[in-house]
Amino acid sequence: MYTQVGLNAQMLANNQAIPKIDANVQNDALREQTDAFESVILKMLMDNAMKNQEDLFSSQKDPGDKIYKSMYREELAKASAGGFGFSQMLYDYLSEKG
């Protein structure tokens, strides 16, 4: 197992450039995935919070009522993702590890 100093010395001996990580570069693919993860969390929270919600004006249930409500909550969660802090916290953590 190489230490960082030993690895750097070996790379210099082999005339290889030491890769640098630019702290100002944003990884768009990572940001997209962390926002998607936050979206899943928000969808689960909304599904749980609204599972016993009754409609105010309709007394009849439509056959696709649950499906439409689930689709609506999913799109609402996607639109809200990135604004609650879960995504940023996960992005910061994974950026440090990468």
Protein backbone atom coordinates (compact mmCIF):
# COMPACT_ATOMS: atom_id res chain seq x y z
CA MET A 1 0.00 0.00 0.00
CA TYR A 2 1.41 3.36 -1.04
CA THR A 3 1.37 6.44 1.07
CA GLN A 4 0.49 9.72 -0.63
CA VAL A 5 4.13 10.89 -0.52
CA GLY A 6 5.40 7.58 -1.87
CA LEU A 7 2.79 7.61 -4.63
CA ASN A 8 3.67 11.19 -5.60
CA ALA A 9 7.40 10.31 -5.66
CA GLN A 10 6.70 7.30 -7.86
CA MET A 11 4.60 9.39 -10.25
CA LEU A 12 7.37 12.00 -10.49
CA ALA A 13 9.96 9.27 -11.11
CA ASN A 14 7.83 7.92 -13.97
CA ASN A 15 7.41 11.46 -15.42
CA GLN A 16 3.67 11.38 -14.78
CA ALA A 17 1.84 14.55 -13.85
CA ILE A 18 0.21 14.56 -10.44
CA PRO A 19 -3.54 15.06 -11.00
CA LYS A 20 -4.98 18.14 -9.36
CA ILE A 21 -8.58 18.47 -8.22
CA ASP A 22 -9.99 21.91 -8.85
CA ALA A 23 -12.19 22.83 -5.90
CA ASN A 24 -14.15 25.34 -8.03
CA VAL A 25 -15.30 22.79 -10.60
CA GLN A 26 -18.85 21.60 -10.08
CA ASN A 27 -19.76 18.08 -11.01
CA ASP A 28 -23.08 18.39 -12.84
CA ALA A 29 -23.68 14.63 -12.93
CA LEU A 30 -23.21 14.39 -9.15
CA ARG A 31 -25.51 17.37 -8.61
CA GLU A 32 -28.17 15.73 -10.79
CA GLN A 33 -28.00 12.50 -8.80
CA THR A 34 -28.11 14.20 -5.41
CA ASP A 35 -31.15 16.22 -6.54
CA ALA A 36 -32.79 12.98 -7.73
CA PHE A 37 -32.12 11.40 -4.33
CA GLU A 38 -33.65 14.40 -2.57
CA SER A 39 -36.65 14.09 -4.89
CA VAL A 40 -37.18 10.48 -3.80
CA ILE A 41 -37.01 11.48 -0.14
CA LEU A 42 -39.53 14.29 -0.67
CA LYS A 43 -41.88 11.98 -2.58
CA MET A 44 -41.81 9.46 0.27
CA LEU A 45 -42.52 12.22 2.80
CA MET A 46 -45.44 13.56 0.76
CA ASP A 47 -46.88 10.08 0.17
CA ASN A 48 -46.78 9.37 3.89
CA ALA A 49 -48.22 12.76 4.85
CA MET A 50 -51.07 12.59 2.34
CA LYS A 51 -52.04 8.92 2.50
CA ASN A 52 -55.27 9.60 4.42
CA GLN A 53 -56.12 12.87 2.72
CA GLU A 54 -59.74 13.12 1.58
CA ASP A 55 -60.89 15.35 -1.25
CA LEU A 56 -62.87 18.35 -0.12
CA PHE A 57 -65.28 18.57 -3.05
CA SER A 58 -65.51 15.10 -4.56
CA SER A 59 -67.35 12.34 -2.79
CA GLN A 60 -66.77 9.85 -5.60
CA LYS A 61 -63.48 8.14 -6.20
CA ASP A 62 -62.18 8.04 -9.74
CA PRO A 63 -60.56 4.78 -10.88
CA GLY A 64 -57.17 6.46 -11.44
CA ASP A 65 -57.36 8.82 -8.49
CA LYS A 66 -54.46 7.28 -6.57
CA ILE A 67 -52.30 7.10 -9.69
CA TYR A 68 -52.87 10.75 -10.61
CA LYS A 69 -52.19 11.91 -7.08
CA SER A 70 -49.00 9.85 -6.94
CA MET A 71 -47.85 11.26 -10.28
CA TYR A 72 -48.62 14.79 -9.09
CA ARG A 73 -46.62 14.31 -5.88
CA GLU A 74 -43.73 12.83 -7.86
CA GLU A 75 -43.57 15.87 -10.16
CA LEU A 76 -43.93 18.21 -7.20
CA ALA A 77 -41.02 16.45 -5.48
CA LYS A 78 -38.87 16.71 -8.63
CA ALA A 79 -39.62 20.42 -8.93
CA SER A 80 -38.82 21.00 -5.26
CA ALA A 81 -35.60 18.97 -5.22
CA GLY A 82 -32.47 20.95 -4.50
CA GLY A 83 -34.17 23.44 -2.23
CA PHE A 84 -34.44 21.54 1.04
CA GLY A 85 -30.76 21.01 1.80
CA PHE A 86 -30.52 17.21 1.56
CA SER A 87 -29.08 17.44 -1.93
CA GLN A 88 -26.49 20.09 -1.01
CA MET A 89 -25.41 18.21 2.10
CA LEU A 90 -24.97 14.97 0.14
CA TYR A 91 -23.21 16.79 -2.72
CA ASP A 92 -20.74 18.41 -0.31
CA TYR A 93 -20.02 15.10 1.39
CA LEU A 94 -19.50 13.19 -1.86
CA SER A 95 -17.43 16.00 -3.38
CA GLU A 96 -14.97 15.77 -0.49
CA LYS A 97 -14.70 11.99 -0.86
CA GLY A 98 -14.30 12.02 -4.65
